Amino acid sequence: MEHDEDIMIAKLREHRNLKIMAMEIGERCGVPVTPTQKNDSRGDFTYPAEQEEQLFHAMDHFLGPRIYGGADNAKVG
């Protein structure tokens, strides 16, 4: 039997992993993505506003094939 806490822990792990993934994509494309702390009103991470398009493009490039199909091994670059 799964307990409510087990579900919450699984969601928290998923959230953490998505945050780490965003930071890793940023690192690969040269955009510094910094995690925030203590429920920061800015969200889970920050990045330079002038590099937003570059970061979003890298995320689309990496996630697009996984969401919509296509290349099995999308690369950020």
N, C-alpha and C. Protein backbone atom coordinates (compact mmCIF):
# COMPACT_ATOMS: atom_id res chain seq x y z
N MET A 1 0.84 -1.19 0.00
CA MET A 1 0.00 0.00 0.00
C MET A 1 0.88 1.25 0.00
N GLU A 2 0.57 2.13 -0.92
CA GLU A 2 1.34 3.37 -1.00
C GLU A 2 0.72 4.42 -0.08
N HIS A 3 1.57 5.08 0.67
CA HIS A 3 1.12 6.11 1.60
C HIS A 3 1.21 7.48 0.94
N ASP A 4 0.47 8.43 1.48
CA ASP A 4 0.51 9.80 0.96
C ASP A 4 1.94 10.34 0.93
N GLU A 5 2.71 10.03 1.96
CA GLU A 5 4.08 10.51 2.04
C GLU A 5 4.93 9.96 0.90
N ASP A 6 4.69 8.70 0.52
CA ASP A 6 5.43 8.11 -0.59
C ASP A 6 5.17 8.88 -1.89
N ILE A 7 3.94 9.26 -2.09
CA ILE A 7 3.57 10.03 -3.29
C ILE A 7 4.24 11.40 -3.26
N MET A 8 4.22 12.04 -2.11
CA MET A 8 4.85 13.36 -1.98
C MET A 8 6.36 13.28 -2.19
N ILE A 9 6.98 12.25 -1.65
CA ILE A 9 8.43 12.08 -1.82
C ILE A 9 8.76 11.86 -3.29
N ALA A 10 7.96 11.05 -3.97
CA ALA A 10 8.20 10.80 -5.40
C ALA A 10 8.06 12.09 -6.20
N LYS A 11 7.06 12.91 -5.89
CA LYS A 11 6.88 14.19 -6.59
C LYS A 11 8.05 15.13 -6.32
N LEU A 12 8.53 15.14 -5.08
CA LEU A 12 9.66 16.00 -4.72
C LEU A 12 10.92 15.56 -5.46
N ARG A 13 11.15 14.26 -5.57
CA ARG A 13 12.30 13.76 -6.33
C ARG A 13 12.21 14.16 -7.80
N GLU A 14 11.01 14.02 -8.36
CA GLU A 14 10.82 14.40 -9.76
C GLU A 14 11.10 15.88 -9.96
N HIS A 15 10.60 16.70 -9.05
CA HIS A 15 10.81 18.15 -9.11
C HIS A 15 12.30 18.47 -9.04
N ARG A 16 12.99 17.84 -8.08
CA ARG A 16 14.43 18.06 -7.93
C ARG A 16 15.18 17.65 -9.20
N ASN A 17 14.82 16.53 -9.78
CA ASN A 17 15.49 16.05 -10.98
C ASN A 17 15.27 16.98 -12.17
N LEU A 18 14.08 17.54 -12.29
CA LEU A 18 13.81 18.50 -13.36
C LEU A 18 14.64 19.77 -13.18
N LYS A 19 14.77 20.20 -11.94
CA LYS A 19 15.58 21.38 -11.64
C LYS A 19 17.04 21.13 -11.99
N ILE A 20 17.55 19.97 -11.62
CA ILE A 20 18.93 19.60 -11.94
C ILE A 20 19.12 19.53 -13.46
N MET A 21 18.13 18.98 -14.16
CA MET A 21 18.22 18.88 -15.60
C MET A 21 18.32 20.28 -16.23
N ALA A 22 17.52 21.22 -15.75
CA ALA A 22 17.57 22.59 -16.27
C ALA A 22 18.95 23.19 -16.04
N MET A 23 19.53 22.93 -14.88
CA MET A 23 20.86 23.45 -14.58
C MET A 23 21.90 22.80 -15.49
N GLU A 24 21.78 21.51 -15.76
CA GLU A 24 22.73 20.82 -16.63
C GLU A 24 22.62 21.29 -18.08
N ILE A 25 21.40 21.52 -18.55
CA ILE A 25 21.22 22.04 -19.90
C ILE A 25 21.85 23.43 -19.99
N GLY A 26 21.62 24.25 -18.98
CA GLY A 26 22.24 25.58 -18.96
C GLY A 26 23.76 25.50 -19.01
N GLU A 27 24.32 24.59 -18.24
CA GLU A 27 25.78 24.44 -18.22
C GLU A 27 26.30 24.02 -19.59
N ARG A 28 25.61 23.11 -20.24
CA ARG A 28 26.04 22.62 -21.56
C ARG A 28 26.00 23.71 -22.62
N CYS A 29 25.06 24.64 -22.49
CA CYS A 29 24.94 25.68 -23.52
C CYS A 29 25.55 27.01 -23.08
N GLY A 30 26.24 27.02 -21.95
CA GLY A 30 26.95 28.21 -21.52
C GLY A 30 26.10 29.26 -20.82
N VAL A 31 24.95 28.85 -20.30
CA VAL A 31 24.09 29.78 -19.56
C VAL A 31 24.15 29.40 -18.08
N PRO A 32 24.60 30.32 -17.23
CA PRO A 32 24.66 29.99 -15.81
C PRO A 32 23.24 29.93 -15.21
N VAL A 33 22.84 28.75 -14.79
CA VAL A 33 21.55 28.54 -14.15
C VAL A 33 21.83 28.26 -12.68
N THR A 34 21.30 29.11 -11.81
CA THR A 34 21.59 29.03 -10.38
C THR A 34 20.34 28.64 -9.61
N PRO A 35 20.42 27.62 -8.77
CA PRO A 35 19.25 27.24 -7.98
C PRO A 35 18.94 28.30 -6.92
N THR A 36 17.68 28.47 -6.64
CA THR A 36 17.27 29.38 -5.57
C THR A 36 17.00 28.54 -4.32
N GLN A 37 16.76 29.22 -3.22
CA GLN A 37 16.51 28.52 -1.96
C GLN A 37 15.34 29.14 -1.23
N LYS A 38 14.79 28.38 -0.32
CA LYS A 38 13.76 28.85 0.61
C LYS A 38 12.53 29.40 -0.10
N ASN A 39 12.01 28.66 -1.07
CA ASN A 39 10.79 29.07 -1.79
C ASN A 39 10.89 30.49 -2.33
N ASP A 40 11.99 30.79 -2.94
CA ASP A 40 12.25 32.10 -3.53
C ASP A 40 11.12 32.47 -4.49
N SER A 41 10.68 33.70 -4.43
CA SER A 41 9.58 34.16 -5.29
C SER A 41 9.97 34.18 -6.77
N ARG A 42 11.27 34.11 -7.08
CA ARG A 42 11.72 34.10 -8.47
C ARG A 42 11.55 32.72 -9.12
N GLY A 43 11.28 31.71 -8.32
CA GLY A 43 11.12 30.36 -8.85
C GLY A 43 12.20 29.44 -8.34
N ASP A 44 12.43 28.35 -9.05
CA ASP A 44 13.37 27.32 -8.61
C ASP A 44 14.81 27.60 -8.99
N PHE A 45 15.00 28.43 -10.02
CA PHE A 45 16.35 28.78 -10.44
C PHE A 45 16.31 30.12 -11.16
N THR A 46 17.48 30.72 -11.27
CA THR A 46 17.61 31.98 -12.00
C THR A 46 18.66 31.82 -13.09
N TYR A 47 18.62 32.71 -14.05
CA TYR A 47 19.57 32.75 -15.15
C TYR A 47 19.56 34.17 -15.68
N PRO A 48 20.62 34.58 -16.36
CA PRO A 48 20.67 35.94 -16.90
C PRO A 48 19.55 36.18 -17.92
N ALA A 49 18.81 37.23 -17.74
CA ALA A 49 17.68 37.53 -18.62
C ALA A 49 18.12 37.65 -20.08
N GLU A 50 19.32 38.18 -20.30
CA GLU A 50 19.79 38.35 -21.68
C GLU A 50 20.14 37.02 -22.35
N GLN A 51 20.16 35.95 -21.58
CA GLN A 51 20.46 34.63 -22.15
C GLN A 51 19.23 33.71 -22.14
N GLU A 52 18.08 34.28 -21.88
CA GLU A 52 16.86 33.48 -21.81
C GLU A 52 16.58 32.75 -23.12
N GLU A 53 16.67 33.44 -24.23
CA GLU A 53 16.38 32.80 -25.52
C GLU A 53 17.34 31.64 -25.79
N GLN A 54 18.60 31.83 -25.45
CA GLN A 54 19.61 30.78 -25.64
C GLN A 54 19.26 29.56 -24.78
N LEU A 55 18.87 29.79 -23.52
CA LEU A 55 18.51 28.69 -22.62
C LEU A 55 17.26 27.98 -23.11
N PHE A 56 16.24 28.74 -23.49
CA PHE A 56 14.99 28.13 -23.96
C PHE A 56 15.21 27.32 -25.24
N HIS A 57 16.05 27.84 -26.12
CA HIS A 57 16.36 27.11 -27.34
C HIS A 57 17.04 25.78 -27.01
N ALA A 58 17.99 25.82 -26.07
CA ALA A 58 18.69 24.60 -25.67
C ALA A 58 17.72 23.61 -25.04
N MET A 59 16.80 24.09 -24.22
CA MET A 59 15.81 23.20 -23.60
C MET A 59 14.90 22.59 -24.66
N ASP A 60 14.45 23.41 -25.60
CA ASP A 60 13.61 22.90 -26.69
C ASP A 60 14.36 21.85 -27.50
N HIS A 61 15.62 22.13 -27.78
CA HIS A 61 16.45 21.21 -28.57
C HIS A 61 16.62 19.87 -27.85
N PHE A 62 16.81 19.93 -26.55
CA PHE A 62 17.02 18.72 -25.76
C PHE A 62 15.72 17.98 -25.50
N LEU A 63 14.67 18.69 -25.15
CA LEU A 63 13.41 18.05 -24.75
C LEU A 63 12.47 17.76 -25.91
N GLY A 64 12.53 18.56 -26.97
CA GLY A 64 11.61 18.40 -28.09
C GLY A 64 11.51 16.99 -28.62
N PRO A 65 12.62 16.37 -28.98
CA PRO A 65 12.55 15.00 -29.51
C PRO A 65 11.98 14.00 -28.49
N ARG A 66 12.20 14.25 -27.22
CA ARG A 66 11.70 13.35 -26.19
C ARG A 66 10.19 13.51 -25.99
N ILE A 67 9.70 14.71 -26.24
CA ILE A 67 8.27 14.98 -26.06
C ILE A 67 7.50 14.65 -27.34
N TYR A 68 8.05 15.09 -28.47
CA TYR A 68 7.32 14.97 -29.73
C TYR A 68 7.82 13.87 -30.64
N GLY A 69 8.82 13.13 -30.19
CA GLY A 69 9.38 12.06 -31.02
C GLY A 69 10.54 12.58 -31.83
N GLY A 70 11.25 11.69 -32.44
CA GLY A 70 12.39 12.09 -33.26
C GLY A 70 13.65 11.43 -32.78
N ALA A 71 14.74 12.17 -32.82
CA ALA A 71 16.05 11.61 -32.48
C ALA A 71 16.05 11.05 -31.07
N ASP A 72 16.61 9.87 -30.94
CA ASP A 72 16.68 9.23 -29.63
C ASP A 72 17.73 9.90 -28.73
N ASN A 73 18.73 10.46 -29.33
CA ASN A 73 19.83 11.03 -28.56
C ASN A 73 20.03 12.50 -28.91
N ALA A 74 19.07 13.33 -28.57
CA ALA A 74 19.19 14.77 -28.84
C ALA A 74 20.36 15.31 -28.04
N LYS A 75 21.09 16.22 -28.64
CA LYS A 75 22.25 16.82 -27.98
C LYS A 75 22.05 18.31 -27.87
N VAL A 76 22.52 18.87 -26.77
CA VAL A 76 22.46 20.30 -26.57
C VAL A 76 23.75 20.88 -27.10
N GLY A 77 23.64 21.97 -27.82
CA GLY A 77 24.87 22.57 -28.32
C GLY A 77 24.63 23.77 -29.16
